[in-house]
C-alpha atoms as a PDB file:
ATOM      1  CA  MET A   1      -0.407  13.940 -15.806  1.00  0.00           C
ATOM      2  CA  VAL A   2       3.265  13.202 -16.266  1.00  0.00           C
ATOM      3  CA  SER A   3       4.540   9.778 -15.262  1.00  0.00           C
ATOM      4  CA  VAL A   4       6.909   9.369 -12.335  1.00  0.00           C
ATOM      5  CA  GLN A   5       9.467   6.640 -11.797  1.00  0.00           C
ATOM      6  CA  ALA A   6       9.314   4.975  -8.395  1.00  0.00           C
ATOM      7  CA  GLU A   7      11.853   2.572  -6.930  1.00  0.00           C
ATOM      8  CA  VAL A   8      10.626  -1.031  -6.929  1.00  0.00           C
ATOM      9  CA  LEU A   9      11.014  -2.461  -3.416  1.00  0.00           C
ATOM     10  CA  LEU A  10       9.221  -5.750  -4.097  1.00  0.00           C
ATOM     11  CA  PRO A  11       8.121  -6.857  -7.558  1.00  0.00           C
ATOM     12  CA  GLY A  12       4.535  -7.361  -8.530  1.00  0.00           C
ATOM     13  CA  PRO A  13       2.239  -7.203 -11.521  1.00  0.00           C
ATOM     14  CA  ALA A  14       1.362  -4.098 -13.485  1.00  0.00           C
ATOM     15  CA  ILE A  15      -2.021  -2.731 -12.400  1.00  0.00           C
ATOM     16  CA  THR A  16      -4.506   0.051 -12.982  1.00  0.00           C
ATOM     17  CA  ALA A  17      -6.418   1.280  -9.937  1.00  0.00           C
ATOM     18  CA  ASP A  18      -7.600   4.393  -8.134  1.00  0.00           C
ATOM     19  CA  ALA A  19      -5.116   6.028  -5.781  1.00  0.00           C
ATOM     20  CA  LEU A  20      -5.669   6.675  -2.078  1.00  0.00           C
ATOM     21  CA  ALA A  21      -3.043   8.956  -0.575  1.00  0.00           C
ATOM     22  CA  LEU A  22      -3.044   8.775   3.199  1.00  0.00           C
ATOM     23  CA  THR A  23      -2.528  12.156   4.841  1.00  0.00           C
ATOM     24  CA  ALA A  24      -1.178  10.878   8.134  1.00  0.00           C
ATOM     25  CA  PRO A  25       1.041   8.010   9.319  1.00  0.00           C
ATOM     26  CA  ILE A  26      -0.709   4.684   9.812  1.00  0.00           C
ATOM     27  CA  SER A  27      -0.201   1.576  11.863  1.00  0.00           C
ATOM     28  CA  PHE A  28      -1.471  -1.490  10.055  1.00  0.00           C
ATOM     29  CA  TRP A  29      -1.819  -3.157  13.482  1.00  0.00           C
ATOM     30  CA  GLY A  30      -5.014  -1.566  14.798  1.00  0.00           C
ATOM     31  CA  GLY A  31      -5.153   0.991  12.004  1.00  0.00           C
ATOM     32  CA  VAL A  32      -6.368  -1.310   9.224  1.00  0.00           C
ATOM     33  CA  ASP A  33      -9.113  -3.909   9.536  1.00  0.00           C
ATOM     34  CA  ALA A  34      -7.838  -7.064   7.819  1.00  0.00           C
ATOM     35  CA  LYS A  35     -11.372  -8.450   7.440  1.00  0.00           C
ATOM     36  CA  SER A  36     -12.825  -5.440   5.624  1.00  0.00           C
ATOM     37  CA  GLY A  37      -9.794  -3.717   4.102  1.00  0.00           C
ATOM     38  CA  LEU A  38     -10.839  -0.406   5.687  1.00  0.00           C
ATOM     39  CA  VAL A  39      -8.792   2.146   7.608  1.00  0.00           C
ATOM     40  CA  ALA A  40     -10.072   1.366  11.098  1.00  0.00           C
ATOM     41  CA  ASP A  41      -8.255   3.872  13.328  1.00  0.00           C
ATOM     42  CA  PRO A  42     -10.976   6.335  14.412  1.00  0.00           C
ATOM     43  CA  ARG A  43      -8.353   9.099  14.800  1.00  0.00           C
ATOM     44  CA  HIS A  44      -6.956   8.672  11.287  1.00  0.00           C
ATOM     45  CA  PRO A  45      -8.081  11.279   8.719  1.00  0.00           C
ATOM     46  CA  GLU A  46      -8.915   8.502   6.230  1.00  0.00           C
ATOM     47  CA  ASN A  47     -10.896   6.446   8.756  1.00  0.00           C
ATOM     48  CA  GLY A  48     -13.463   4.319   6.919  1.00  0.00           C
ATOM     49  CA  GLN A  49     -11.692   4.533   3.552  1.00  0.00           C
ATOM     50  CA  ARG A  50     -11.136   1.265   1.700  1.00  0.00           C
ATOM     51  CA  ILE A  51      -7.503   0.394   0.918  1.00  0.00           C
ATOM     52  CA  SER A  52      -8.398  -2.843  -0.869  1.00  0.00           C
ATOM     53  CA  GLY A  53      -7.691  -2.700  -4.586  1.00  0.00           C
ATOM     54  CA  LYS A  54      -6.221   0.812  -4.384  1.00  0.00           C
ATOM     55  CA  VAL A  55      -2.823   2.237  -5.161  1.00  0.00           C
ATOM     56  CA  LEU A  56      -2.144   2.993  -1.500  1.00  0.00           C
ATOM     57  CA  LEU A  57       0.237   5.913  -0.967  1.00  0.00           C
ATOM     58  CA  VAL A  58       1.659   5.780   2.569  1.00  0.00           C
ATOM     59  CA  PRO A  59       3.562   8.839   3.832  1.00  0.00           C
ATOM     60  CA  GLU A  60       4.793   7.089   6.967  1.00  0.00           C
ATOM     61  CA  THR A  61       4.088   3.964   8.991  1.00  0.00           C
ATOM     62  CA  VAL A  62       3.754   3.666  12.731  1.00  0.00           C
ATOM     63  CA  GLY A  63       5.835   0.663  13.655  1.00  0.00           C
ATOM     64  CA  SER A  64       4.491  -2.585  14.965  1.00  0.00           C
ATOM     65  CA  SER A  65       5.929  -6.014  14.388  1.00  0.00           C
ATOM     66  CA  SER A  66       2.360  -7.177  13.758  1.00  0.00           C
ATOM     67  CA  ALA A  67       2.002  -5.008  10.636  1.00  0.00           C
ATOM     68  CA  ALA A  68       3.424  -7.855   8.556  1.00  0.00           C
ATOM     69  CA  ALA A  69       0.708 -10.194   9.819  1.00  0.00           C
ATOM     70  CA  ILE A  70      -2.051  -7.718   8.963  1.00  0.00           C
ATOM     71  CA  LEU A  71      -0.710  -7.255   5.440  1.00  0.00           C
ATOM     72  CA  LEU A  72      -0.401 -11.026   5.056  1.00  0.00           C
ATOM     73  CA  GLU A  73      -4.052 -11.383   6.147  1.00  0.00           C
ATOM     74  CA  LEU A  74      -5.091  -8.718   3.640  1.00  0.00           C
ATOM     75  CA  VAL A  75      -3.294 -10.564   0.834  1.00  0.00           C
ATOM     76  CA  HIS A  76      -4.722 -13.932   1.893  1.00  0.00           C
ATOM     77  CA  GLY A  77      -8.252 -12.515   2.042  1.00  0.00           C
ATOM     78  CA  ARG A  78      -7.867 -10.693  -1.282  1.00  0.00           C
ATOM     79  CA  ARG A  79      -8.356  -7.331   0.409  1.00  0.00           C
ATOM     80  CA  ALA A  80      -4.828  -5.984  -0.054  1.00  0.00           C
ATOM     81  CA  PRO A  81      -4.035  -2.794  -1.920  1.00  0.00           C
ATOM     82  CA  ALA A  82      -3.338  -3.282  -5.647  1.00  0.00           C
ATOM     83  CA  ALA A  83      -0.007  -1.501  -5.078  1.00  0.00           C
ATOM     84  CA  ILE A  84       1.703  -0.027  -2.038  1.00  0.00           C
ATOM     85  CA  VAL A  85       3.740   3.139  -2.451  1.00  0.00           C
ATOM     86  CA  LEU A  86       5.844   4.094   0.558  1.00  0.00           C
ATOM     87  CA  HIS A  87       7.747   7.306   1.179  1.00  0.00           C
ATOM     88  CA  GLU A  88      10.348   5.248   3.051  1.00  0.00           C
ATOM     89  CA  PRO A  89      10.714   1.451   3.046  1.00  0.00           C
ATOM     90  CA  ASP A  90       9.279  -0.321   6.101  1.00  0.00           C
ATOM     91  CA  ALA A  91      10.965  -3.701   6.485  1.00  0.00           C
ATOM     92  CA  ILE A  92       8.353  -5.063   8.905  1.00  0.00           C
ATOM     93  CA  LEU A  93       5.427  -4.134   6.665  1.00  0.00           C
ATOM     94  CA  LEU A  94       7.159  -5.478   3.562  1.00  0.00           C
ATOM     95  CA  LEU A  95       7.870  -8.735   5.364  1.00  0.00           C
ATOM     96  CA  GLY A  96       4.131  -9.454   5.109  1.00  0.00           C
ATOM     97  CA  LEU A  97       4.380  -9.310   1.318  1.00  0.00           C
ATOM     98  CA  ILE A  98       7.512 -11.456   1.267  1.00  0.00           C
ATOM     99  CA  VAL A  99       5.841 -14.141   3.378  1.00  0.00           C
ATOM    100  CA  ALA A 100       2.664 -13.972   1.265  1.00  0.00           C
ATOM    101  CA  HIS A 101       4.735 -14.427  -1.895  1.00  0.00           C
ATOM    102  CA  GLU A 102       6.612 -17.378  -0.378  1.00  0.00           C
ATOM    103  CA  MET A 103       3.253 -18.938   0.517  1.00  0.00           C
ATOM    104  CA  GLY A 104       2.193 -18.708  -3.134  1.00  0.00           C
ATOM    105  CA  TYR A 105      -0.218 -15.774  -2.935  1.00  0.00           C
ATOM    106  CA  ASP A 106      -0.417 -13.064  -5.578  1.00  0.00           C
ATOM    107  CA  THR A 107       1.143 -10.004  -3.980  1.00  0.00           C
ATOM    108  CA  PRO A 108       0.962  -6.339  -4.904  1.00  0.00           C
ATOM    109  CA  ILE A 109       3.977  -4.431  -6.108  1.00  0.00           C
ATOM    110  CA  ALA A 110       5.655  -2.306  -3.421  1.00  0.00           C
ATOM    111  CA  LEU A 111       7.354   0.929  -4.406  1.00  0.00           C
ATOM    112  CA  ARG A 112       9.220   3.847  -2.877  1.00  0.00           C
ATOM    113  CA  LEU A 113       8.347   7.368  -4.026  1.00  0.00           C
ATOM    114  CA  ASP A 114       8.860  10.731  -2.361  1.00  0.00           C
ATOM    115  CA  ARG A 115       5.642  11.775  -0.621  1.00  0.00           C
ATOM    116  CA  GLY A 116       5.838  15.128  -2.396  1.00  0.00           C
ATOM    117  CA  HIS A 117       4.108  13.381  -5.323  1.00  0.00           C
ATOM    118  CA  PHE A 118       1.278  11.880  -3.264  1.00  0.00           C
ATOM    119  CA  ALA A 119      -1.244  14.758  -3.302  1.00  0.00           C
ATOM    120  CA  ALA A 120      -1.106  15.010  -7.109  1.00  0.00           C
ATOM    121  CA  LEU A 121      -1.737  11.264  -7.427  1.00  0.00           C
ATOM    122  CA  HIS A 122      -4.596  11.041  -4.908  1.00  0.00           C
ATOM    123  CA  GLY A 123      -7.979  10.073  -6.356  1.00  0.00           C
ATOM    124  CA  ARG A 124      -6.641   9.502  -9.850  1.00  0.00           C
ATOM    125  CA  SER A 125      -6.873   6.285 -11.799  1.00  0.00           C
ATOM    126  CA  LEU A 126      -3.238   5.240 -12.019  1.00  0.00           C
ATOM    127  CA  THR A 127      -1.378   2.662 -14.019  1.00  0.00           C
ATOM    128  CA  VAL A 128       1.604   1.188 -12.211  1.00  0.00           C
ATOM    129  CA  SER A 129       4.044  -0.762 -14.365  1.00  0.00           C
ATOM    130  CA  SER A 130       6.074  -3.692 -13.070  1.00  0.00           C
ATOM    131  CA  SER A 131       9.162  -1.480 -13.551  1.00  0.00           C
ATOM    132  CA  GLY A 132       7.768   1.162 -11.181  1.00  0.00           C
ATOM    133  CA  VAL A 133       6.469   3.778 -13.613  1.00  0.00           C
ATOM    134  CA  ILE A 134       3.346   5.452 -12.191  1.00  0.00           C
ATOM    135  CA  GLY A 135       1.174   7.366 -14.601  1.00  0.00           C
END
């Protein structure tokens, strides 16, 4: 696979992890269980899939001001994705990572990458550099 350069939205460490590309928009509030790190929305195509420790590829978010709190809980409980790759930045969701970082928690890198790449990345073991190279 050829590497792709993503835009770094929030810095984080380089990681290697399996990729989970969501196939539908998700709301972290009600759509992700902060205690288990699973997609919890029964209507979501990836319902029951674990996002913890994954390179999570998110095509679109469904807004809720509580999304930041859910992501903060995931980070605090060590159930957050290893990296979050968004098609478009979501300021509310990213706020959870900013607050977690300010509280001293290790936070995953957050990137922006066109969702046209997501299907090819799904299920692969990916290395994400701190400069945003995904390969």
